[in-house]
């Protein structure tokens, strides 16, 4: 049962990451610039709310459930367990999961 929940939770995290990245691009297309933070996506109606990470109901993930997001100066993860947003001059910002732990396939969460 834990393996099934882990796989579905990992899929949800990756799906939510893709949705956030899409919302950032939609924001830019509508407003002409990238948002200053991920929270701005919700405040301006591009998403309903920041989706949760690590939401399995079991103690199988490295961090507690959160929908926190931080703005980072660069792409280096800090292992907060939340969402990370790194604006970059001249190119698309990075949106990633701020976690250095590995998923069930051995990839660091921050690498997605």
PDB file of N, CA and C in Angstrom:
ATOM      1  N   UNK A   1       0.824  -1.186   0.000  1.00  0.00           N
ATOM      2  CA  UNK A   1       0.000   0.000   0.000  1.00  0.00           C
ATOM      3  C   UNK A   1       0.874   1.258   0.000  1.00  0.00           C
ATOM      4  N   UNK A   2       1.948   1.246   0.782  1.00  0.00           N
ATOM      5  CA  UNK A   2       2.819   2.422   0.819  1.00  0.00           C
ATOM      6  C   UNK A   2       3.429   2.718  -0.544  1.00  0.00           C
ATOM      7  N   UNK A   3       3.801   1.665  -1.289  1.00  0.00           N
ATOM      8  CA  UNK A   3       4.386   1.884  -2.613  1.00  0.00           C
ATOM      9  C   UNK A   3       3.393   2.535  -3.558  1.00  0.00           C
ATOM     10  N   UNK A   4       2.148   2.116  -3.512  1.00  0.00           N
ATOM     11  CA  UNK A   4       1.113   2.697  -4.366  1.00  0.00           C
ATOM     12  C   UNK A   4       0.895   4.169  -3.992  1.00  0.00           C
ATOM     13  N   UNK A   5       0.805   4.438  -2.694  1.00  0.00           N
ATOM     14  CA  UNK A   5       0.620   5.824  -2.248  1.00  0.00           C
ATOM     15  C   UNK A   5       1.825   6.682  -2.590  1.00  0.00           C
ATOM     16  N   UNK A   6       3.004   6.105  -2.468  1.00  0.00           N
ATOM     17  CA  UNK A   6       4.219   6.857  -2.811  1.00  0.00           C
ATOM     18  C   UNK A   6       4.220   7.213  -4.297  1.00  0.00           C
ATOM     19  N   UNK A   7       3.914   6.253  -5.146  1.00  0.00           N
ATOM     20  CA  UNK A   7       3.902   6.511  -6.591  1.00  0.00           C
ATOM     21  C   UNK A   7       2.832   7.530  -6.961  1.00  0.00           C
ATOM     22  N   UNK A   8       1.653   7.427  -6.381  1.00  0.00           N
ATOM     23  CA  UNK A   8       0.609   8.397  -6.707  1.00  0.00           C
ATOM     24  C   UNK A   8       0.975   9.776  -6.172  1.00  0.00           C
ATOM     25  N   UNK A   9       1.586   9.835  -4.994  1.00  0.00           N
ATOM     26  CA  UNK A   9       2.025  11.121  -4.446  1.00  0.00           C
ATOM     27  C   UNK A   9       3.128  11.746  -5.269  1.00  0.00           C
ATOM     28  N   UNK A  10       4.055  10.929  -5.739  1.00  0.00           N
ATOM     29  CA  UNK A  10       5.125  11.444  -6.590  1.00  0.00           C
ATOM     30  C   UNK A  10       4.549  11.971  -7.895  1.00  0.00           C
ATOM     31  N   UNK A  11       3.588  11.258  -8.441  1.00  0.00           N
ATOM     32  CA  UNK A  11       2.939  11.711  -9.671  1.00  0.00           C
ATOM     33  C   UNK A  11       2.202  13.027  -9.466  1.00  0.00           C
ATOM     34  N   UNK A  12       1.548  13.161  -8.324  1.00  0.00           N
ATOM     35  CA  UNK A  12       0.843  14.411  -8.020  1.00  0.00           C
ATOM     36  C   UNK A  12       1.826  15.565  -7.896  1.00  0.00           C
ATOM     37  N   UNK A  13       2.952  15.343  -7.231  1.00  0.00           N
ATOM     38  CA  UNK A  13       3.958  16.404  -7.093  1.00  0.00           C
ATOM     39  C   UNK A  13       4.467  16.846  -8.462  1.00  0.00           C
ATOM     40  N   UNK A  14       4.778  15.897  -9.316  1.00  0.00           N
ATOM     41  CA  UNK A  14       5.292  16.224 -10.643  1.00  0.00           C
ATOM     42  C   UNK A  14       4.219  16.892 -11.505  1.00  0.00           C
ATOM     43  N   UNK A  15       2.982  16.435 -11.387  1.00  0.00           N
ATOM     44  CA  UNK A  15       1.888  17.063 -12.132  1.00  0.00           C
ATOM     45  C   UNK A  15       1.640  18.490 -11.686  1.00  0.00           C
ATOM     46  N   UNK A  16       1.687  18.718 -10.384  1.00  0.00           N
ATOM     47  CA  UNK A  16       1.508  20.074  -9.866  1.00  0.00           C
ATOM     48  C   UNK A  16       2.653  20.988 -10.282  1.00  0.00           C
ATOM     49  N   UNK A  17       3.853  20.434 -10.360  1.00  0.00           N
ATOM     50  CA  UNK A  17       5.001  21.212 -10.831  1.00  0.00           C
ATOM     51  C   UNK A  17       4.773  21.655 -12.278  1.00  0.00           C
ATOM     52  N   UNK A  18       4.309  20.739 -13.114  1.00  0.00           N
ATOM     53  CA  UNK A  18       4.033  21.076 -14.514  1.00  0.00           C
ATOM     54  C   UNK A  18       2.935  22.139 -14.613  1.00  0.00           C
ATOM     55  N   UNK A  19       1.920  22.031 -13.765  1.00  0.00           N
ATOM     56  CA  UNK A  19       0.836  23.011 -13.776  1.00  0.00           C
ATOM     57  C   UNK A  19       1.337  24.395 -13.363  1.00  0.00           C
ATOM     58  N   UNK A  20       2.202  24.457 -12.361  1.00  0.00           N
ATOM     59  CA  UNK A  20       2.762  25.746 -11.951  1.00  0.00           C
ATOM     60  C   UNK A  20       3.604  26.360 -13.062  1.00  0.00           C
ATOM     61  N   UNK A  21       4.402  25.546 -13.719  1.00  0.00           N
ATOM     62  CA  UNK A  21       5.216  26.056 -14.820  1.00  0.00           C
ATOM     63  C   UNK A  21       4.325  26.598 -15.938  1.00  0.00           C
ATOM     64  N   UNK A  22       3.245  25.880 -16.226  1.00  0.00           N
ATOM     65  CA  UNK A  22       2.301  26.344 -17.243  1.00  0.00           C
ATOM     66  C   UNK A  22       1.644  27.653 -16.848  1.00  0.00           C
ATOM     67  N   UNK A  23       1.270  27.795 -15.581  1.00  0.00           N
ATOM     68  CA  UNK A  23       0.637  29.019 -15.100  1.00  0.00           C
ATOM     69  C   UNK A  23       1.590  30.208 -15.182  1.00  0.00           C
ATOM     70  N   UNK A  24       2.875  29.973 -14.918  1.00  0.00           N
ATOM     71  CA  UNK A  24       3.876  31.040 -15.041  1.00  0.00           C
ATOM     72  C   UNK A  24       3.930  31.530 -16.492  1.00  0.00           C
ATOM     73  N   UNK A  25       3.896  30.614 -17.437  1.00  0.00           N
ATOM     74  CA  UNK A  25       3.935  30.995 -18.853  1.00  0.00           C
ATOM     75  C   UNK A  25       2.646  31.693 -19.272  1.00  0.00           C
ATOM     76  N   UNK A  26       1.502  31.237 -18.766  1.00  0.00           N
ATOM     77  CA  UNK A  26       0.233  31.906 -19.058  1.00  0.00           C
ATOM     78  C   UNK A  26       0.239  33.330 -18.500  1.00  0.00           C
ATOM     79  N   UNK A  27       0.763  33.496 -17.313  1.00  0.00           N
ATOM     80  CA  UNK A  27       0.869  34.820 -16.700  1.00  0.00           C
ATOM     81  C   UNK A  27       1.678  35.745 -17.603  1.00  0.00           C
ATOM     82  N   UNK A  28       2.820  35.242 -18.075  1.00  0.00           N
ATOM     83  CA  UNK A  28       3.674  36.069 -18.935  1.00  0.00           C
ATOM     84  C   UNK A  28       2.957  36.423 -20.229  1.00  0.00           C
ATOM     85  N   UNK A  29       2.258  35.471 -20.810  1.00  0.00           N
ATOM     86  CA  UNK A  29       1.549  35.734 -22.059  1.00  0.00           C
ATOM     87  C   UNK A  29       0.467  36.797 -21.863  1.00  0.00           C
ATOM     88  N   UNK A  30      -0.189  36.773 -20.714  1.00  0.00           N
ATOM     89  CA  UNK A  30      -1.271  37.723 -20.445  1.00  0.00           C
ATOM     90  C   UNK A  30      -0.769  39.080 -19.963  1.00  0.00           C
ATOM     91  N   UNK A  31       0.313  39.086 -19.201  1.00  0.00           N
ATOM     92  CA  UNK A  31       0.771  40.320 -18.560  1.00  0.00           C
ATOM     93  C   UNK A  31       2.043  40.915 -19.170  1.00  0.00           C
ATOM     94  N   UNK A  32       2.718  40.153 -20.031  1.00  0.00           N
ATOM     95  CA  UNK A  32       3.917  40.665 -20.679  1.00  0.00           C
ATOM     96  C   UNK A  32       5.196  40.537 -19.869  1.00  0.00           C
ATOM     97  N   UNK A  33       5.100  39.982 -18.669  1.00  0.00           N
ATOM     98  CA  UNK A  33       6.274  39.779 -17.811  1.00  0.00           C
ATOM     99  C   UNK A  33       5.978  38.601 -16.892  1.00  0.00           C
ATOM    100  N   UNK A  34       7.032  38.006 -16.398  1.00  0.00           N
ATOM    101  CA  UNK A  34       6.857  36.900 -15.457  1.00  0.00           C
ATOM    102  C   UNK A  34       6.448  37.438 -14.090  1.00  0.00           C
ATOM    103  N   UNK A  35       5.736  36.627 -13.304  1.00  0.00           N
ATOM    104  CA  UNK A  35       5.358  37.076 -11.954  1.00  0.00           C
ATOM    105  C   UNK A  35       6.588  37.209 -11.063  1.00  0.00           C
ATOM    106  N   UNK A  36       6.461  38.045 -10.045  1.00  0.00           N
ATOM    107  CA  UNK A  36       7.566  38.222  -9.104  1.00  0.00           C
ATOM    108  C   UNK A  36       7.701  37.026  -8.174  1.00  0.00           C
ATOM    109  N   UNK A  37       6.615  36.286  -7.982  1.00  0.00           N
ATOM    110  CA  UNK A  37       6.636  35.114  -7.103  1.00  0.00           C
ATOM    111  C   UNK A  37       5.524  34.167  -7.526  1.00  0.00           C
ATOM    112  N   UNK A  38       5.565  32.946  -7.029  1.00  0.00           N
ATOM    113  CA  UNK A  38       4.490  31.994  -7.313  1.00  0.00           C
ATOM    114  C   UNK A  38       3.196  32.411  -6.627  1.00  0.00           C
ATOM    115  N   UNK A  39       3.294  33.065  -5.486  1.00  0.00           N
ATOM    116  CA  UNK A  39       2.096  33.536  -4.780  1.00  0.00           C
ATOM    117  C   UNK A  39       1.309  34.516  -5.651  1.00  0.00           C
ATOM    118  N   UNK A  40       1.994  35.238  -6.504  1.00  0.00           N
ATOM    119  CA  UNK A  40       1.333  36.193  -7.390  1.00  0.00           C
ATOM    120  C   UNK A  40       0.400  35.487  -8.378  1.00  0.00           C
ATOM    121  N   UNK A  41       0.693  34.227  -8.715  1.00  0.00           N
ATOM    122  CA  UNK A  41      -0.190  33.471  -9.599  1.00  0.00           C
ATOM    123  C   UNK A  41      -1.566  33.300  -8.977  1.00  0.00           C
ATOM    124  N   UNK A  42      -1.601  32.980  -7.700  1.00  0.00           N
ATOM    125  CA  UNK A  42      -2.881  32.814  -7.003  1.00  0.00           C
ATOM    126  C   UNK A  42      -3.556  34.161  -6.779  1.00  0.00           C
ATOM    127  N   UNK A  43      -2.784  35.159  -6.397  1.00  0.00           N
ATOM    128  CA  UNK A  43      -3.355  36.482  -6.119  1.00  0.00           C
ATOM    129  C   UNK A  43      -3.998  37.090  -7.368  1.00  0.00           C
ATOM    130  N   UNK A  44      -3.488  36.744  -8.538  1.00  0.00           N
ATOM    131  CA  UNK A  44      -4.007  37.306  -9.778  1.00  0.00           C
ATOM    132  C   UNK A  44      -4.960  36.365 -10.514  1.00  0.00           C
ATOM    133  N   UNK A  45      -5.277  35.208  -9.911  1.00  0.00           N
ATOM    134  CA  UNK A  45      -6.275  34.310 -10.476  1.00  0.00           C
ATOM    135  C   UNK A  45      -5.786  33.332 -11.530  1.00  0.00           C
ATOM    136  N   UNK A  46      -4.496  33.197 -11.716  1.00  0.00           N
ATOM    137  CA  UNK A  46      -3.989  32.234 -12.700  1.00  0.00           C
ATOM    138  C   UNK A  46      -4.025  30.807 -12.163  1.00  0.00           C
ATOM    139  N   UNK A  47      -4.013  30.660 -10.856  1.00  0.00           N
ATOM    140  CA  UNK A  47      -4.264  29.381 -10.190  1.00  0.00           C
ATOM    141  C   UNK A  47      -5.164  29.687  -8.994  1.00  0.00           C
ATOM    142  N   UNK A  48      -5.874  28.670  -8.528  1.00  0.00           N
ATOM    143  CA  UNK A  48      -6.749  28.896  -7.376  1.00  0.00           C
ATOM    144  C   UNK A  48      -5.933  29.073  -6.104  1.00  0.00           C
ATOM    145  N   UNK A  49      -4.938  28.198  -5.944  1.00  0.00           N
ATOM    146  CA  UNK A  49      -4.030  28.262  -4.797  1.00  0.00           C
ATOM    147  C   UNK A  49      -2.785  27.467  -5.135  1.00  0.00           C
ATOM    148  N   UNK A  50      -1.727  27.689  -4.389  1.00  0.00           N
ATOM    149  CA  UNK A  50      -0.524  26.876  -4.591  1.00  0.00           C
ATOM    150  C   UNK A  50      -0.840  25.452  -4.157  1.00  0.00           C
ATOM    151  N   UNK A  51      -0.575  24.479  -5.006  1.00  0.00           N
ATOM    152  CA  UNK A  51      -0.899  23.101  -4.658  1.00  0.00           C
ATOM    153  C   UNK A  51       0.032  22.559  -3.576  1.00  0.00           C
ATOM    154  N   UNK A  52      -0.438  21.596  -2.816  1.00  0.00           N
ATOM    155  CA  UNK A  52       0.409  21.022  -1.761  1.00  0.00           C
ATOM    156  C   UNK A  52       1.434  20.036  -2.324  1.00  0.00           C
ATOM    157  N   UNK A  53       2.537  19.945  -1.619  1.00  0.00           N
ATOM    158  CA  UNK A  53       3.553  18.926  -1.869  1.00  0.00           C
ATOM    159  C   UNK A  53       3.505  17.912  -0.733  1.00  0.00           C
ATOM    160  N   UNK A  54       3.903  16.699  -1.019  1.00  0.00           N
ATOM    161  CA  UNK A  54       4.073  15.649  -0.012  1.00  0.00           C
ATOM    162  C   UNK A  54       2.762  15.274   0.683  1.00  0.00           C
ATOM    163  N   UNK A  55       1.672  15.257  -0.055  1.00  0.00           N
ATOM    164  CA  UNK A  55       0.351  15.039   0.527  1.00  0.00           C
ATOM    165  C   UNK A  55      -0.062  13.573   0.402  1.00  0.00           C
ATOM    166  N   UNK A  56       0.491  12.698   1.208  1.00  0.00           N
ATOM    167  CA  UNK A  56       0.158  11.277   1.122  1.00  0.00           C
ATOM    168  C   UNK A  56      -0.677  10.790   2.288  1.00  0.00           C
ATOM    169  N   UNK A  57      -0.647  11.491   3.397  1.00  0.00           N
ATOM    170  CA  UNK A  57      -1.334  11.015   4.585  1.00  0.00           C
ATOM    171  C   UNK A  57      -0.504  10.019   5.380  1.00  0.00           C
ATOM    172  N   UNK A  58       0.613   9.602   4.836  1.00  0.00           N
ATOM    173  CA  UNK A  58       1.520   8.668   5.522  1.00  0.00           C
ATOM    174  C   UNK A  58       2.906   9.298   5.623  1.00  0.00           C
ATOM    175  N   UNK A  59       3.705   8.767   6.492  1.00  0.00           N
ATOM    176  CA  UNK A  59       5.063   9.262   6.678  1.00  0.00           C
ATOM    177  C   UNK A  59       6.001   8.583   5.679  1.00  0.00           C
ATOM    178  N   UNK A  60       5.803   8.888   4.379  1.00  0.00           N
ATOM    179  CA  UNK A  60       6.626   8.250   3.347  1.00  0.00           C
ATOM    180  C   UNK A  60       7.444   9.255   2.542  1.00  0.00           C
ATOM    181  N   UNK A  61       7.259  10.541   2.799  1.00  0.00           N
ATOM    182  CA  UNK A  61       8.003  11.557   2.078  1.00  0.00           C
ATOM    183  C   UNK A  61       8.987  12.240   3.020  1.00  0.00           C
ATOM    184  N   UNK A  62      10.032  12.868   2.461  1.00  0.00           N
ATOM    185  CA  UNK A  62      11.075  13.455   3.308  1.00  0.00           C
ATOM    186  C   UNK A  62      10.672  14.743   4.020  1.00  0.00           C
ATOM    187  N   UNK A  63       9.566  15.354   3.610  1.00  0.00           N
ATOM    188  CA  UNK A  63       9.127  16.615   4.208  1.00  0.00           C
ATOM    189  C   UNK A  63       7.652  16.526   4.561  1.00  0.00           C
ATOM    190  N   UNK A  64       7.220  17.390   5.453  1.00  0.00           N
ATOM    191  CA  UNK A  64       5.810  17.474   5.815  1.00  0.00           C
ATOM    192  C   UNK A  64       5.031  18.179   4.699  1.00  0.00           C
ATOM    193  N   UNK A  65       3.743  17.917   4.625  1.00  0.00           N
ATOM    194  CA  UNK A  65       2.870  18.540   3.631  1.00  0.00           C
ATOM    195  C   UNK A  65       3.001  20.059   3.721  1.00  0.00           C
ATOM    196  N   UNK A  66       3.124  20.683   2.539  1.00  0.00           N
ATOM    197  CA  UNK A  66       3.252  22.143   2.489  1.00  0.00           C
ATOM    198  C   UNK A  66       2.819  22.661   1.133  1.00  0.00           C
ATOM    199  N   UNK A  67       2.414  23.903   1.085  1.00  0.00           N
ATOM    200  CA  UNK A  67       2.238  24.600  -0.185  1.00  0.00           C
ATOM    201  C   UNK A  67       3.033  25.903  -0.170  1.00  0.00           C
ATOM    202  N   UNK A  68       4.026  25.952   0.699  1.00  0.00           N
ATOM    203  CA  UNK A  68       4.891  27.137   0.807  1.00  0.00           C
ATOM    204  C   UNK A  68       5.732  27.289  -0.457  1.00  0.00           C
ATOM    205  N   UNK A  69       6.029  28.532  -0.785  1.00  0.00           N
ATOM    206  CA  UNK A  69       6.874  28.826  -1.945  1.00  0.00           C
ATOM    207  C   UNK A  69       7.829  29.956  -1.590  1.00  0.00           C
ATOM    208  N   UNK A  70       9.037  29.856  -2.103  1.00  0.00           N
ATOM    209  CA  UNK A  70      10.050  30.878  -1.853  1.00  0.00           C
ATOM    210  C   UNK A  70      10.655  31.325  -3.177  1.00  0.00           C
ATOM    211  N   UNK A  71      11.135  32.544  -3.203  1.00  0.00           N
ATOM    212  CA  UNK A  71      11.866  33.053  -4.359  1.00  0.00           C
ATOM    213  C   UNK A  71      13.347  32.858  -4.067  1.00  0.00           C
ATOM    214  N   UNK A  72      14.047  32.202  -4.982  1.00  0.00           N
ATOM    215  CA  UNK A  72      15.478  31.930  -4.832  1.00  0.00           C
ATOM    216  C   UNK A  72      16.267  32.786  -5.817  1.00  0.00           C
ATOM    217  N   UNK A  73      17.443  33.185  -5.436  1.00  0.00           N
ATOM    218  CA  UNK A  73      18.308  33.963  -6.318  1.00  0.00           C
ATOM    219  C   UNK A  73      18.883  33.114  -7.443  1.00  0.00           C
ATOM    220  N   UNK A  74      18.936  31.812  -7.267  1.00  0.00           N
ATOM    221  CA  UNK A  74      19.497  30.927  -8.281  1.00  0.00           C
ATOM    222  C   UNK A  74      18.852  29.563  -8.229  1.00  0.00           C
ATOM    223  N   UNK A  75      19.344  28.632  -9.027  1.00  0.00           N
ATOM    224  CA  UNK A  75      18.720  27.318  -9.128  1.00  0.00           C
ATOM    225  C   UNK A  75      19.139  26.310  -8.052  1.00  0.00           C
ATOM    226  N   UNK A  76      19.966  26.726  -7.121  1.00  0.00           N
ATOM    227  CA  UNK A  76      20.446  25.788  -6.109  1.00  0.00           C
ATOM    228  C   UNK A  76      19.344  25.511  -5.081  1.00  0.00           C
ATOM    229  N   UNK A  77      19.035  24.226  -4.857  1.00  0.00           N
ATOM    230  CA  UNK A  77      18.026  23.896  -3.857  1.00  0.00           C
ATOM    231  C   UNK A  77      18.539  24.140  -2.440  1.00  0.00           C
ATOM    232  N   UNK A  78      17.619  24.464  -1.547  1.00  0.00           N
ATOM    233  CA  UNK A  78      17.943  24.697  -0.135  1.00  0.00           C
ATOM    234  C   UNK A  78      17.320  23.647   0.773  1.00  0.00           C
ATOM    235  N   UNK A  79      16.561  22.735   0.182  1.00  0.00           N
ATOM    236  CA  UNK A  79      15.922  21.633   0.897  1.00  0.00           C
ATOM    237  C   UNK A  79      14.872  22.094   1.909  1.00  0.00           C
ATOM    238  N   UNK A  80      14.088  23.091   1.524  1.00  0.00           N
ATOM    239  CA  UNK A  80      12.995  23.554   2.381  1.00  0.00           C
ATOM    240  C   UNK A  80      11.788  22.632   2.318  1.00  0.00           C
ATOM    241  N   UNK A  81      11.689  21.870   1.233  1.00  0.00           N
ATOM    242  CA  UNK A  81      10.548  20.986   1.044  1.00  0.00           C
ATOM    243  C   UNK A  81       9.368  21.659   0.378  1.00  0.00           C
ATOM    244  N   UNK A  82       9.512  22.930   0.002  1.00  0.00           N
ATOM    245  CA  UNK A  82       8.422  23.657  -0.647  1.00  0.00           C
ATOM    246  C   UNK A  82       8.706  23.896  -2.114  1.00  0.00           C
ATOM    247  N   UNK A  83       7.884  24.741  -2.699  1.00  0.00           N
ATOM    248  CA  UNK A  83       8.109  25.161  -4.077  1.00  0.00           C
ATOM    249  C   UNK A  83       9.200  26.229  -4.105  1.00  0.00           C
ATOM    250  N   UNK A  84       9.953  26.263  -5.188  1.00  0.00           N
ATOM    251  CA  UNK A  84      10.975  27.290  -5.361  1.00  0.00           C
ATOM    252  C   UNK A  84      10.772  27.965  -6.712  1.00  0.00           C
ATOM    253  N   UNK A  85      11.019  29.254  -6.737  1.00  0.00           N
ATOM    254  CA  UNK A  85      10.856  30.066  -7.937  1.00  0.00           C
ATOM    255  C   UNK A  85      12.094  30.936  -8.057  1.00  0.00           C
ATOM    256  N   UNK A  86      12.757  30.836  -9.195  1.00  0.00           N
ATOM    257  CA  UNK A  86      13.990  31.587  -9.396  1.00  0.00           C
ATOM    258  C   UNK A  86      13.885  32.405 -10.679  1.00  0.00           C
ATOM    259  N   UNK A  87      13.523  33.692 -10.562  1.00  0.00           N
ATOM    260  CA  UNK A  87      13.480  34.551 -11.752  1.00  0.00           C
ATOM    261  C   UNK A  87      14.878  34.704 -12.348  1.00  0.00           C
ATOM    262  N   UNK A  88      14.945  34.754 -13.670  1.00  0.00           N
ATOM    263  CA  UNK A  88      16.237  34.914 -14.341  1.00  0.00           C
ATOM    264  C   UNK A  88      16.121  35.989 -15.405  1.00  0.00           C
ATOM    265  N   UNK A  89      17.084  36.852 -15.496  1.00  0.00           N
ATOM    266  CA  UNK A  89      17.062  37.907 -16.506  1.00  0.00           C
ATOM    267  C   UNK A  89      17.221  37.300 -17.892  1.00  0.00           C
ATOM    268  N   UNK A  90      16.351  37.712 -18.793  1.00  0.00           N
ATOM    269  CA  UNK A  90      16.488  37.310 -20.186  1.00  0.00           C
ATOM    270  C   UNK A  90      15.983  35.931 -20.541  1.00  0.00           C
ATOM    271  N   UNK A  91      15.515  35.160 -19.580  1.00  0.00           N
ATOM    272  CA  UNK A  91      14.989  33.832 -19.917  1.00  0.00           C
ATOM    273  C   UNK A  91      13.904  33.443 -18.912  1.00  0.00           C
ATOM    274  N   UNK A  92      13.264  32.355 -19.197  1.00  0.00           N
ATOM    275  CA  UNK A  92      12.169  31.891 -18.349  1.00  0.00           C
ATOM    276  C   UNK A  92      12.666  31.594 -16.934  1.00  0.00           C
ATOM    277  N   UNK A  93      11.853  31.897 -15.936  1.00  0.00           N
ATOM    278  CA  UNK A  93      12.241  31.589 -14.561  1.00  0.00           C
ATOM    279  C   UNK A  93      12.218  30.081 -14.324  1.00  0.00           C
ATOM    280  N   UNK A  94      12.924  29.665 -13.319  1.00  0.00           N
ATOM    281  CA  UNK A  94      12.911  28.265 -12.918  1.00  0.00           C
ATOM    282  C   UNK A  94      11.853  28.064 -11.846  1.00  0.00           C
ATOM    283  N   UNK A  95      11.052  27.044 -12.009  1.00  0.00           N
ATOM    284  CA  UNK A  95      10.106  26.617 -10.987  1.00  0.00           C
ATOM    285  C   UNK A  95      10.501  25.183 -10.663  1.00  0.00           C
ATOM    286  N   UNK A  96      10.795  24.919  -9.388  1.00  0.00           N
ATOM    287  CA  UNK A  96      11.217  23.569  -9.034  1.00  0.00           C
ATOM    288  C   UNK A  96      10.806  23.227  -7.615  1.00  0.00           C
ATOM    289  N   UNK A  97      10.928  21.952  -7.283  1.00  0.00           N
ATOM    290  CA  UNK A  97      10.646  21.474  -5.938  1.00  0.00           C
ATOM    291  C   UNK A  97      11.937  21.599  -5.147  1.00  0.00           C
ATOM    292  N   UNK A  98      11.889  22.329  -4.056  1.00  0.00           N
ATOM    293  CA  UNK A  98      13.091  22.626  -3.273  1.00  0.00           C
ATOM    294  C   UNK A  98      13.379  21.476  -2.303  1.00  0.00           C
ATOM    295  N   UNK A  99      13.870  20.388  -2.868  1.00  0.00           N
ATOM    296  CA  UNK A  99      14.167  19.190  -2.076  1.00  0.00           C
ATOM    297  C   UNK A  99      15.334  18.450  -2.709  1.00  0.00           C
ATOM    298  N   UNK A 100      16.331  18.115  -1.902  1.00  0.00           N
ATOM    299  CA  UNK A 100      17.498  17.395  -2.408  1.00  0.00           C
ATOM    300  C   UNK A 100      17.363  15.881  -2.234  1.00  0.00           C
ATOM    301  N   UNK A 101      16.311  15.434  -1.556  1.00  0.00           N
ATOM    302  CA  UNK A 101      16.091  13.995  -1.382  1.00  0.00           C
ATOM    303  C   UNK A 101      15.722  13.360  -2.714  1.00  0.00           C
ATOM    304  N   UNK A 102      15.853  12.052  -2.775  1.00  0.00           N
ATOM    305  CA  UNK A 102      15.587  11.335  -4.022  1.00  0.00           C
ATOM    306  C   UNK A 102      14.201  10.714  -4.018  1.00  0.00           C
ATOM    307  N   UNK A 103      13.613  10.670  -5.205  1.00  0.00           N
ATOM    308  CA  UNK A 103      12.319  10.024  -5.357  1.00  0.00           C
ATOM    309  C   UNK A 103      12.533   8.515  -5.496  1.00  0.00           C
ATOM    310  N   UNK A 104      11.477   7.778  -5.770  1.00  0.00           N
ATOM    311  CA  UNK A 104      11.575   6.314  -5.837  1.00  0.00           C
ATOM    312  C   UNK A 104      12.422   5.834  -7.006  1.00  0.00           C
ATOM    313  N   UNK A 105      12.714   6.694  -7.956  1.00  0.00           N
ATOM    314  CA  UNK A 105      13.552   6.324  -9.108  1.00  0.00           C
ATOM    315  C   UNK A 105      14.988   6.788  -8.947  1.00  0.00           C
ATOM    316  N   UNK A 106      15.294   7.428  -7.822  1.00  0.00           N
ATOM    317  CA  UNK A 106      16.663   7.828  -7.544  1.00  0.00           C
ATOM    318  C   UNK A 106      17.040   9.219  -8.009  1.00  0.00           C
ATOM    319  N   UNK A 107      16.080  10.008  -8.490  1.00  0.00           N
ATOM    320  CA  UNK A 107      16.366  11.369  -8.963  1.00  0.00           C
ATOM    321  C   UNK A 107      16.051  12.364  -7.844  1.00  0.00           C
ATOM    322  N   UNK A 108      16.905  13.363  -7.667  1.00  0.00           N
ATOM    323  CA  UNK A 108      16.636  14.407  -6.682  1.00  0.00           C
ATOM    324  C   UNK A 108      15.395  15.171  -7.109  1.00  0.00           C
ATOM    325  N   UNK A 109      14.533  15.488  -6.152  1.00  0.00           N
ATOM    326  CA  UNK A 109      13.297  16.217  -6.461  1.00  0.00           C
ATOM    327  C   UNK A 109      13.590  17.545  -7.146  1.00  0.00           C
ATOM    328  N   UNK A 110      14.667  18.188  -6.771  1.00  0.00           N
ATOM    329  CA  UNK A 110      14.991  19.492  -7.369  1.00  0.00           C
ATOM    330  C   UNK A 110      15.394  19.382  -8.835  1.00  0.00           C
ATOM    331  N   UNK A 111      15.629  18.178  -9.319  1.00  0.00           N
ATOM    332  CA  UNK A 111      16.059  18.008 -10.717  1.00  0.00           C
ATOM    333  C   UNK A 111      14.895  18.022 -11.706  1.00  0.00           C
ATOM    334  N   UNK A 112      13.685  17.995 -11.224  1.00  0.00           N
ATOM    335  CA  UNK A 112      12.526  17.983 -12.137  1.00  0.00           C
ATOM    336  C   UNK A 112      12.157  19.378 -12.578  1.00  0.00           C
TER     337      UNK A 112
END
